[in-house]
């Protein structure tokens, strides 16, 4: 925390209390013209006044520790409720700040503030300065403590002091208004699992009020407004402020990421297909705009574009980008991406290309048995059970399937359709031993195979192969 030198603090404190310091004397400042006579300025005891020169010498030499010892000695004999006590407490607080003993500075500054307010020892400027300093000190204590109860208490004290500052100040500033909002928001979200929504609403109001005090809106106010709106579930409203942020700072990757995530969230949550399309399109345009500034250009971002095109049913564009990305390495060589490319061709009613994609995927990822299952499904859908059976056998032979029971069941069923009843019976038995198979399904299939075998055995000259 930045603090003034002790000499400057002495001068500021003297002015705040209506006093003027000189190296050897202490006298009342000239009264400002006023309609009514000013109250008499408070006076320091002679023993305190006599030590001001020594204090200045210590401070100018950077001996804040020595100055603190001297002030503590004077404080030990200061009368309760006296101007000496208020003045010396303020001075002690400033010395402790210069020594970076921030937590220790709170008590003497509070003493000075309370005495000053009770007895009008200091002018408005001095009181405002102490209130602002105390608010910052409490805020720092809140940030640094690990005790949730203390953190809440310190945030409350920090906010109370800055609210008093705002009420007392003849010209409240946007910075102070935003600072008050940040304290409320920090307190409200100190436990992310149980955010205090009412305090977040108050923080939002303060942040919005700060915008009215500046000719050019503050970026940090927009950031806090976005955070508050999203905490309140008002993602749609937050998008407008995120647009302002990316317009103000197009070089910020974080703002583009937040805008994209918000648009995507609104698309996924919309129950109205047309509304979902609108947000998908806006998310897509966000990525394209961000890429013009060098952001959102990683492998996942390229995939996001393809996923959005798929959501918007632009399958030809999605397929073209997938083909290019898989060939050039901008799209990861994963099963998900190959299956999405195959799906894109299926949606364009080009099953030959869809099958070709999965064949290429198997060559690219020879250990991935799930691709064999996916290809088998395509062949089966095209009424090519023999080809489906071949790829299902490849899948179960390689193993490492996510749902082995389903693969074995499918294989047994296809074999049954091909009238390969002995194979079907053997594979159905293997399927039945898998934990993921549906028991009712395998029971019905096993019964059908058994009956088919019995019929085949009863028919003369026929084999149940």
Protein backbone atom coordinates (compact mmCIF):
# COMPACT_ATOMS: atom_id res chain seq x y z
CA UNK A 1 0.00 0.00 0.00
CA UNK A 2 1.46 3.36 -1.01
CA UNK A 3 1.82 5.84 1.86
CA UNK A 4 3.11 9.36 2.11
CA UNK A 5 6.21 10.27 4.06
CA UNK A 6 5.75 11.02 7.72
CA UNK A 7 6.56 14.69 7.14
CA UNK A 8 3.78 14.93 4.58
CA UNK A 9 1.48 13.07 6.95
CA UNK A 10 2.24 15.59 9.71
CA UNK A 11 1.49 18.48 7.40
CA UNK A 12 -1.70 16.90 6.07
CA UNK A 13 -2.89 16.08 9.55
CA UNK A 14 -2.19 19.58 10.76
CA UNK A 15 -4.12 21.10 7.88
CA UNK A 16 -6.99 18.68 8.42
CA UNK A 17 -7.24 19.75 12.04
CA UNK A 18 -6.98 23.45 11.29
CA UNK A 19 -3.33 23.72 12.40
CA UNK A 20 -0.20 24.90 10.63
CA UNK A 21 3.13 23.32 11.54
CA UNK A 22 6.44 25.11 11.56
CA UNK A 23 9.77 23.68 12.75
CA UNK A 24 9.43 25.25 16.18
CA UNK A 25 5.92 26.58 16.65
CA UNK A 26 2.34 25.46 16.38
CA UNK A 27 -0.31 28.05 15.71
CA UNK A 28 -3.86 28.25 14.45
CA UNK A 29 -4.36 28.55 10.71
CA UNK A 30 -5.92 31.80 9.45
CA UNK A 31 -9.67 31.53 9.52
CA UNK A 32 -11.32 31.24 6.11
CA UNK A 33 -13.99 33.85 5.34
CA UNK A 34 -17.30 32.54 6.59
CA UNK A 35 -20.72 33.76 7.48
CA UNK A 36 -20.26 32.64 11.08
CA UNK A 37 -17.13 32.59 13.22
CA UNK A 38 -15.21 29.33 12.96
CA UNK A 39 -14.94 27.26 16.13
CA UNK A 40 -11.59 27.50 17.85
CA UNK A 41 -8.99 25.18 16.39
CA UNK A 42 -7.95 22.27 18.62
CA UNK A 43 -4.55 22.61 20.20
CA UNK A 44 -1.87 20.09 21.04
CA UNK A 45 -0.46 19.96 24.53
CA UNK A 46 2.85 21.73 24.90
CA UNK A 47 4.73 18.51 25.59
CA UNK A 48 3.48 17.08 22.25
CA UNK A 49 4.21 20.28 20.33
CA UNK A 50 7.73 20.27 21.69
CA UNK A 51 8.43 16.88 20.11
CA UNK A 52 7.23 17.71 16.58
CA UNK A 53 10.65 18.89 15.46
CA UNK A 54 12.26 15.68 16.67
CA UNK A 55 9.55 13.64 14.94
CA UNK A 56 10.17 15.49 11.69
CA UNK A 57 13.91 14.84 11.92
CA UNK A 58 13.39 11.11 12.50
CA UNK A 59 10.90 10.89 9.65
CA UNK A 60 13.06 12.81 7.19
CA UNK A 61 15.89 10.42 8.02
CA UNK A 62 13.67 7.39 7.34
CA UNK A 63 13.77 6.27 10.96
CA UNK A 64 10.09 5.38 11.19
CA UNK A 65 10.78 2.90 13.96
CA UNK A 66 12.39 5.59 16.09
CA UNK A 67 9.52 7.95 15.36
CA UNK A 68 7.06 5.24 16.39
CA UNK A 69 8.82 4.76 19.74
CA UNK A 70 8.60 8.50 20.35
CA UNK A 71 4.88 8.61 19.43
CA UNK A 72 4.11 5.62 21.66
CA UNK A 73 5.78 7.41 24.55
CA UNK A 74 3.62 10.48 23.99
CA UNK A 75 0.49 8.36 23.63
CA UNK A 76 1.08 6.72 27.00
CA UNK A 77 0.32 10.02 28.74
CA UNK A 78 -2.32 11.41 26.36
CA UNK A 79 -5.61 12.18 28.06
CA UNK A 80 -8.72 10.24 27.00
CA UNK A 81 -10.90 12.01 24.42
CA UNK A 82 -8.15 14.59 23.85
CA UNK A 83 -6.92 16.09 20.61
CA UNK A 84 -3.47 14.79 21.58
CA UNK A 85 -4.80 11.23 21.52
CA UNK A 86 -6.55 11.73 18.17
CA UNK A 87 -3.54 13.43 16.57
CA UNK A 88 -0.96 10.96 17.88
CA UNK A 89 -3.13 7.96 16.99
CA UNK A 90 -3.41 9.24 13.44
CA UNK A 91 0.34 9.76 13.36
CA UNK A 92 0.97 6.27 14.72
CA UNK A 93 -1.25 4.78 12.03
CA UNK A 94 0.70 6.61 9.32
CA UNK A 95 4.02 5.43 10.77
CA UNK A 96 2.83 1.83 10.83
CA UNK A 97 1.76 2.13 7.20
CA UNK A 98 5.24 3.35 6.31
CA UNK A 99 6.62 0.32 8.13
CA UNK A 100 4.27 -1.95 6.10
CA UNK A 101 2.53 -3.04 9.30
CA UNK A 102 -0.88 -2.61 7.76
CA UNK A 103 -2.98 -4.68 10.15
CA UNK A 104 -1.44 -2.90 13.14
CA UNK A 105 -2.31 0.49 11.65
CA UNK A 106 -6.05 -0.18 11.84
CA UNK A 107 -6.55 0.30 15.60
CA UNK A 108 -4.85 3.72 15.93
CA UNK A 109 -6.54 4.99 12.76
CA UNK A 110 -9.91 3.89 14.11
CA UNK A 111 -9.19 5.67 17.40
CA UNK A 112 -8.30 8.85 15.54
CA UNK A 113 -11.40 8.61 13.34
CA UNK A 114 -13.79 8.06 16.24
CA UNK A 115 -12.33 10.86 18.37
CA UNK A 116 -12.24 13.19 15.40
CA UNK A 117 -15.90 12.58 14.59
CA UNK A 118 -17.04 12.92 18.21
CA UNK A 119 -15.21 16.17 18.82
CA UNK A 120 -14.86 17.62 15.29
CA UNK A 121 -11.08 17.57 15.61
CA UNK A 122 -10.44 17.17 11.86
CA UNK A 123 -11.94 18.73 8.79
CA UNK A 124 -13.83 16.81 6.11
CA UNK A 125 -10.75 16.16 4.00
CA UNK A 126 -8.93 14.56 6.93
CA UNK A 127 -11.90 12.39 7.83
CA UNK A 128 -12.33 11.29 4.22
CA UNK A 129 -8.69 10.33 3.99
CA UNK A 130 -8.89 8.19 7.13
CA UNK A 131 -12.13 6.52 6.03
CA UNK A 132 -10.65 5.61 2.66
CA UNK A 133 -7.44 4.29 4.18
CA UNK A 134 -9.32 2.16 6.71
CA UNK A 135 -11.55 0.74 3.99
CA UNK A 136 -8.50 -0.33 2.01
CA UNK A 137 -6.87 -1.86 5.08
CA UNK A 138 -9.97 -3.87 5.95
CA UNK A 139 -10.28 -5.02 2.35
CA UNK A 140 -6.68 -6.22 2.38
CA UNK A 141 -7.27 -8.09 5.62
CA UNK A 142 -10.33 -9.76 4.08
CA UNK A 143 -8.33 -10.91 1.08
CA UNK A 144 -5.48 -12.28 3.15
CA UNK A 145 -7.33 -14.12 5.92
CA UNK A 146 -8.20 -17.80 5.57
CA UNK A 147 -10.98 -17.57 8.16
CA UNK A 148 -14.37 -17.30 6.37
CA UNK A 149 -15.98 -15.53 9.31
CA UNK A 150 -13.22 -12.95 9.55
CA UNK A 151 -13.24 -12.46 5.80
CA UNK A 152 -16.95 -11.64 5.91
CA UNK A 153 -16.44 -9.27 8.85
CA UNK A 154 -13.56 -7.42 7.18
CA UNK A 155 -15.45 -7.05 3.91
CA UNK A 156 -18.33 -5.58 5.90
CA UNK A 157 -16.06 -3.08 7.64
CA UNK A 158 -14.37 -2.14 4.37
CA UNK A 159 -17.74 -1.52 2.75
CA UNK A 160 -19.13 0.45 5.68
CA UNK A 161 -16.12 2.79 5.64
CA UNK A 162 -16.31 3.45 1.90
CA UNK A 163 -20.08 4.02 2.10
CA UNK A 164 -19.43 6.66 4.74
CA UNK A 165 -16.78 8.15 2.47
CA UNK A 166 -19.28 8.32 -0.40
CA UNK A 167 -21.92 9.91 1.84
CA UNK A 168 -19.51 12.50 3.24
CA UNK A 169 -17.62 13.37 0.09
CA UNK A 170 -18.81 16.53 -1.69
CA UNK A 171 -17.86 14.91 -5.00
CA UNK A 172 -18.16 11.10 -5.00
CA UNK A 173 -15.93 9.54 -7.64
CA UNK A 174 -16.51 6.73 -10.09
CA UNK A 175 -13.47 4.97 -8.65
CA UNK A 176 -14.89 4.97 -5.12
CA UNK A 177 -18.31 3.84 -6.35
CA UNK A 178 -16.74 0.97 -8.27
CA UNK A 179 -14.53 0.12 -5.29
CA UNK A 180 -17.66 -0.15 -3.12
CA UNK A 181 -19.18 -2.47 -5.73
CA UNK A 182 -16.07 -4.66 -5.78
CA UNK A 183 -16.16 -5.06 -1.99
CA UNK A 184 -19.80 -6.14 -2.10
CA UNK A 185 -19.15 -8.57 -4.94
CA UNK A 186 -16.10 -10.06 -3.21
CA UNK A 187 -18.10 -10.56 -0.02
CA UNK A 188 -21.07 -12.00 -1.89
CA UNK A 189 -18.93 -14.58 -3.69
CA UNK A 190 -16.52 -15.50 -0.91
CA UNK A 191 -18.22 -18.92 -0.92
CA UNK A 192 -18.80 -19.73 -4.62
CA UNK A 193 -21.22 -22.51 -3.72
CA UNK A 194 -23.49 -20.10 -1.81
CA UNK A 195 -23.32 -16.71 -3.45
CA UNK A 196 -25.27 -13.92 -1.76
CA UNK A 197 -27.50 -12.82 -4.63
CA UNK A 198 -28.86 -9.78 -2.82
CA UNK A 199 -25.37 -8.39 -2.29
CA UNK A 200 -24.56 -9.14 -5.91
CA UNK A 201 -27.58 -7.06 -6.93
CA UNK A 202 -26.31 -4.21 -4.76
CA UNK A 203 -22.83 -4.57 -6.27
CA UNK A 204 -24.37 -4.45 -9.73
CA UNK A 205 -26.24 -1.26 -8.86
CA UNK A 206 -23.05 0.37 -7.54
CA UNK A 207 -21.07 -0.64 -10.63
CA UNK A 208 -23.79 0.75 -12.90
CA UNK A 209 -23.86 3.95 -10.84
CA UNK A 210 -20.11 4.34 -11.34
CA UNK A 211 -20.66 4.48 -15.10
CA UNK A 212 -22.73 7.63 -14.64
CA UNK A 213 -19.80 9.39 -12.99
CA UNK A 214 -17.40 9.07 -15.92
CA UNK A 215 -17.43 10.55 -19.39
CA UNK A 216 -15.79 7.37 -20.73
CA UNK A 217 -17.10 4.13 -19.17
CA UNK A 218 -14.56 2.21 -17.13
CA UNK A 219 -13.49 -1.21 -18.38
CA UNK A 220 -13.36 -2.68 -14.87
CA UNK A 221 -16.92 -1.54 -14.23
CA UNK A 222 -18.04 -3.50 -17.29
CA UNK A 223 -16.10 -6.53 -16.05
CA UNK A 224 -17.81 -6.41 -12.66
CA UNK A 225 -21.21 -5.89 -14.29
CA UNK A 226 -20.67 -8.96 -16.48
CA UNK A 227 -19.65 -11.05 -13.48
CA UNK A 228 -22.65 -9.88 -11.45
CA UNK A 229 -25.14 -10.44 -14.27
CA UNK A 230 -23.86 -13.95 -14.87
CA UNK A 231 -24.01 -14.76 -11.17
CA UNK A 232 -27.63 -13.61 -11.25
CA UNK A 233 -28.34 -15.85 -14.24
CA UNK A 234 -28.73 -12.90 -16.60
CA UNK A 235 -26.37 -14.22 -19.24
CA UNK A 236 -28.30 -12.61 -22.09
CA UNK A 237 -27.85 -9.14 -20.56
CA UNK A 238 -24.16 -9.80 -19.91
CA UNK A 239 -23.52 -10.41 -23.61
CA UNK A 240 -24.10 -6.74 -24.42
CA UNK A 241 -21.39 -5.70 -21.96
CA UNK A 242 -19.04 -8.39 -23.26
CA UNK A 243 -19.52 -6.92 -26.71
CA UNK A 244 -18.46 -3.55 -25.30
CA UNK A 245 -15.38 -5.18 -23.77
CA UNK A 246 -14.22 -6.89 -26.96
CA UNK A 247 -14.81 -3.66 -28.82
CA UNK A 248 -12.74 -1.74 -26.26
CA UNK A 249 -10.03 -4.40 -25.97
CA UNK A 250 -10.02 -6.70 -29.01
CA UNK A 251 -6.57 -7.95 -28.01
CA UNK A 252 -7.95 -9.60 -24.85
CA UNK A 253 -8.34 -13.34 -25.39
CA UNK A 254 -10.28 -13.64 -22.13
CA UNK A 255 -13.07 -11.32 -23.25
CA UNK A 256 -13.50 -13.23 -26.53
CA UNK A 257 -13.58 -16.52 -24.64
CA UNK A 258 -16.25 -15.23 -22.27
CA UNK A 259 -18.35 -13.86 -25.11
CA UNK A 260 -18.14 -17.15 -27.01
CA UNK A 261 -18.97 -19.19 -23.90
CA UNK A 262 -21.96 -16.98 -23.09
CA UNK A 263 -23.41 -17.21 -26.60
CA UNK A 264 -22.89 -20.97 -26.64
CA UNK A 265 -24.55 -21.30 -23.24
CA UNK A 266 -27.58 -19.33 -24.40
CA UNK A 267 -27.84 -21.53 -27.49
CA UNK A 268 -27.73 -24.77 -25.51
CA UNK A 269 -30.28 -23.54 -22.97
CA UNK A 270 -32.80 -22.26 -25.49
CA UNK A 271 -35.90 -24.39 -25.99
CA UNK A 272 -36.82 -22.43 -29.11
CA UNK A 273 -34.98 -23.83 -32.18
CA UNK A 274 -34.92 -20.48 -33.95
CA UNK A 275 -33.57 -18.77 -30.85
CA UNK A 276 -30.94 -21.49 -30.45
CA UNK A 277 -29.89 -20.98 -34.08
CA UNK A 278 -29.55 -17.25 -33.47
CA UNK A 279 -27.17 -17.79 -30.56
CA UNK A 280 -25.25 -20.53 -32.40
CA UNK A 281 -24.74 -18.09 -35.26
CA UNK A 282 -23.64 -15.36 -32.88
CA UNK A 283 -21.16 -17.75 -31.25
CA UNK A 284 -19.83 -18.67 -34.69
CA UNK A 285 -19.39 -15.02 -35.64
CA UNK A 286 -17.64 -14.41 -32.31
CA UNK A 287 -15.02 -17.04 -33.11
CA UNK A 288 -14.50 -15.66 -36.60
CA UNK A 289 -14.12 -12.10 -35.27
CA UNK A 290 -11.74 -13.24 -32.54
CA UNK A 291 -9.56 -15.04 -35.08
CA UNK A 292 -9.13 -11.78 -36.97
CA UNK A 293 -7.37 -10.52 -33.83
CA UNK A 294 -5.29 -13.66 -33.34
CA UNK A 295 -7.47 -15.34 -30.72
CA UNK A 296 -9.58 -18.53 -30.51
CA UNK A 297 -7.43 -20.22 -33.11
CA UNK A 298 -6.44 -23.43 -31.32
CA UNK A 299 -7.49 -26.97 -32.22
CA UNK A 300 -10.50 -26.83 -29.89
CA UNK A 301 -11.57 -23.51 -31.39
CA UNK A 302 -11.44 -24.95 -34.91
CA UNK A 303 -13.55 -27.84 -33.70
CA UNK A 304 -16.00 -25.39 -32.11
CA UNK A 305 -16.55 -23.79 -35.52
CA UNK A 306 -17.34 -27.17 -37.02
CA UNK A 307 -19.66 -28.08 -34.15
CA UNK A 308 -21.50 -24.78 -34.61
CA UNK A 309 -21.83 -25.33 -38.36
CA UNK A 310 -23.23 -28.78 -37.61
CA UNK A 311 -25.70 -27.29 -35.12
CA UNK A 312 -26.73 -24.82 -37.82
CA UNK A 313 -27.13 -27.75 -40.26
CA UNK A 314 -24.42 -26.41 -42.55
CA UNK A 315 -23.11 -29.93 -43.10
CA UNK A 316 -21.30 -29.21 -46.35
CA UNK A 317 -19.21 -26.48 -44.73
CA UNK A 318 -18.62 -28.62 -41.64
CA UNK A 319 -17.45 -31.55 -43.78
CA UNK A 320 -15.12 -29.35 -45.82
CA UNK A 321 -13.51 -27.89 -42.69
CA UNK A 322 -13.19 -31.31 -41.08
CA UNK A 323 -11.54 -32.78 -44.16
CA UNK A 324 -9.12 -29.87 -44.33
CA UNK A 325 -8.44 -29.84 -40.60
CA UNK A 326 -7.84 -33.58 -40.26
CA UNK A 327 -5.50 -33.49 -43.24
CA UNK A 328 -3.64 -30.39 -42.06
CA UNK A 329 -3.52 -31.11 -38.34
CA UNK A 330 -5.65 -28.17 -37.19
CA UNK A 331 -8.32 -30.68 -36.16
CA UNK A 332 -7.27 -33.41 -33.75
CA UNK A 333 -7.03 -36.95 -35.08
CA UNK A 334 -9.69 -38.38 -32.76
CA UNK A 335 -12.59 -40.76 -33.14
CA UNK A 336 -15.04 -38.00 -32.28
CA UNK A 337 -13.85 -35.86 -35.18
CA UNK A 338 -13.85 -38.71 -37.68
CA UNK A 339 -17.35 -39.71 -36.61
CA UNK A 340 -18.51 -36.11 -36.93
CA UNK A 341 -17.14 -36.00 -40.48
CA UNK A 342 -18.93 -39.24 -41.30
CA UNK A 343 -22.12 -37.86 -39.77
CA UNK A 344 -21.83 -34.71 -41.90
CA UNK A 345 -21.75 -36.80 -45.07
CA UNK A 346 -24.66 -38.90 -43.86
CA UNK A 347 -26.71 -35.76 -43.35
CA UNK A 348 -26.02 -34.90 -46.98
CA UNK A 349 -27.25 -38.40 -47.96
CA UNK A 350 -23.81 -39.42 -49.18
CA UNK A 351 -23.37 -42.75 -47.41
CA UNK A 352 -20.52 -43.82 -49.67
CA UNK A 353 -18.42 -40.93 -48.41
CA UNK A 354 -19.60 -41.55 -44.85
CA UNK A 355 -18.33 -45.14 -45.08
CA UNK A 356 -15.09 -44.06 -46.72
CA UNK A 357 -14.46 -41.64 -43.85
CA UNK A 358 -14.78 -44.40 -41.26
CA UNK A 359 -12.50 -46.68 -43.28
CA UNK A 360 -9.88 -43.93 -43.30
CA UNK A 361 -10.45 -43.39 -39.60
CA UNK A 362 -9.73 -47.06 -38.88
CA UNK A 363 -6.46 -46.77 -40.79
CA UNK A 364 -5.58 -43.60 -38.87
CA UNK A 365 -6.58 -45.06 -35.48
CA UNK A 366 -6.06 -48.83 -35.82
CA UNK A 367 -6.39 -49.48 -32.09
CA UNK A 368 -9.81 -47.83 -31.77
CA UNK A 369 -12.36 -50.65 -31.86
CA UNK A 370 -15.31 -48.27 -31.55
CA UNK A 371 -14.71 -47.11 -35.12
CA UNK A 372 -15.27 -50.68 -36.30
CA UNK A 373 -18.61 -50.71 -34.47
CA UNK A 374 -19.58 -47.38 -36.03
CA UNK A 375 -18.74 -48.68 -39.50
CA UNK A 376 -20.72 -51.86 -38.83
CA UNK A 377 -23.78 -49.78 -37.99
CA UNK A 378 -23.47 -47.89 -41.27
CA UNK A 379 -23.23 -51.11 -43.26
CA UNK A 380 -26.16 -52.60 -41.39
CA UNK A 381 -28.24 -49.48 -42.10
CA UNK A 382 -27.45 -49.99 -45.80
CA UNK A 383 -28.72 -53.57 -45.61
CA UNK A 384 -25.23 -55.03 -45.84
CA UNK A 385 -25.21 -57.40 -42.84
CA UNK A 386 -22.24 -59.46 -44.05
CA UNK A 387 -19.99 -56.39 -44.08
CA UNK A 388 -21.45 -55.32 -40.72
CA UNK A 389 -20.63 -58.75 -39.29
CA UNK A 390 -17.04 -58.53 -40.52
CA UNK A 391 -16.39 -55.21 -38.79
CA UNK A 392 -18.15 -56.28 -35.61
CA UNK A 393 -15.86 -59.31 -35.44
CA UNK A 394 -12.88 -56.98 -35.87
CA UNK A 395 -14.18 -54.84 -33.01
CA UNK A 396 -14.70 -57.64 -30.48
CA UNK A 397 -11.41 -59.26 -31.46
CA UNK A 398 -9.47 -56.08 -30.76
CA UNK A 399 -11.38 -55.46 -27.53
CA UNK A 400 -11.10 -52.26 -25.46
CA UNK A 401 -14.74 -51.47 -26.17
CA UNK A 402 -16.70 -49.00 -24.10
CA UNK A 403 -19.77 -51.26 -24.15
CA UNK A 404 -18.57 -54.76 -25.02
CA UNK A 405 -21.91 -56.38 -24.24
CA UNK A 406 -23.69 -54.23 -26.80
CA UNK A 407 -21.08 -55.05 -29.46
CA UNK A 408 -21.32 -58.81 -28.81
CA UNK A 409 -25.12 -58.60 -28.81
CA UNK A 410 -25.10 -56.74 -32.14
CA UNK A 411 -22.72 -59.32 -33.60
CA UNK A 412 -24.92 -62.20 -32.42
CA UNK A 413 -28.02 -60.51 -33.83
CA UNK A 414 -26.41 -59.92 -37.24
CA UNK A 415 -25.22 -63.53 -37.31
CA UNK A 416 -28.77 -64.62 -36.54
CA UNK A 417 -30.04 -62.57 -39.48
CA UNK A 418 -27.39 -64.18 -41.68
CA UNK A 419 -28.67 -67.59 -40.45
CA UNK A 420 -25.30 -68.38 -38.93
CA UNK A 421 -27.05 -69.82 -35.91
CA UNK A 422 -24.11 -71.66 -34.35
CA UNK A 423 -22.00 -68.49 -34.44
CA UNK A 424 -24.96 -66.50 -33.18
CA UNK A 425 -25.43 -68.87 -30.23
CA UNK A 426 -21.76 -68.70 -29.28
CA UNK A 427 -21.60 -64.91 -29.54
CA UNK A 428 -24.88 -64.49 -27.66
CA UNK A 429 -23.43 -66.55 -24.81
CA UNK A 430 -20.42 -64.21 -24.70
CA UNK A 431 -22.73 -61.18 -24.76
CA UNK A 432 -24.75 -62.54 -21.84
CA UNK A 433 -21.60 -62.59 -19.70
CA UNK A 434 -20.97 -58.85 -20.21
CA UNK A 435 -22.16 -56.44 -17.50
CA UNK A 436 -23.56 -53.82 -19.89
CA UNK A 437 -25.90 -56.05 -21.89
CA UNK A 438 -29.66 -55.74 -21.46
CA UNK A 439 -30.78 -59.03 -19.91
CA UNK A 440 -34.24 -59.01 -21.48
CA UNK A 441 -32.78 -58.41 -24.94
CA UNK A 442 -30.22 -61.18 -24.70
CA UNK A 443 -32.82 -63.57 -23.30
CA UNK A 444 -35.14 -62.97 -26.27
CA UNK A 445 -32.30 -63.29 -28.77
CA UNK A 446 -31.01 -66.48 -27.17
CA UNK A 447 -34.50 -67.98 -27.31
CA UNK A 448 -34.86 -67.04 -30.98
CA UNK A 449 -31.49 -68.61 -31.79
CA UNK A 450 -32.37 -71.78 -29.88
CA UNK A 451 -35.64 -72.12 -31.79
CA UNK A 452 -33.85 -71.50 -35.09
CA UNK A 453 -31.30 -74.19 -34.27
CA UNK A 454 -34.08 -76.63 -33.40
CA UNK A 455 -35.87 -75.91 -36.68
CA UNK A 456 -32.64 -76.30 -38.62
CA UNK A 457 -31.91 -79.60 -36.89
CA UNK A 458 -35.40 -80.88 -37.65
CA UNK A 459 -35.19 -79.99 -41.33
CA UNK A 460 -33.59 -82.87 -43.27
CA UNK A 461 -30.49 -82.03 -45.25
CA UNK A 462 -30.01 -78.55 -43.73
CA UNK A 463 -27.10 -77.28 -41.65
CA UNK A 464 -27.37 -74.68 -38.85
CA UNK A 465 -24.06 -73.01 -39.65
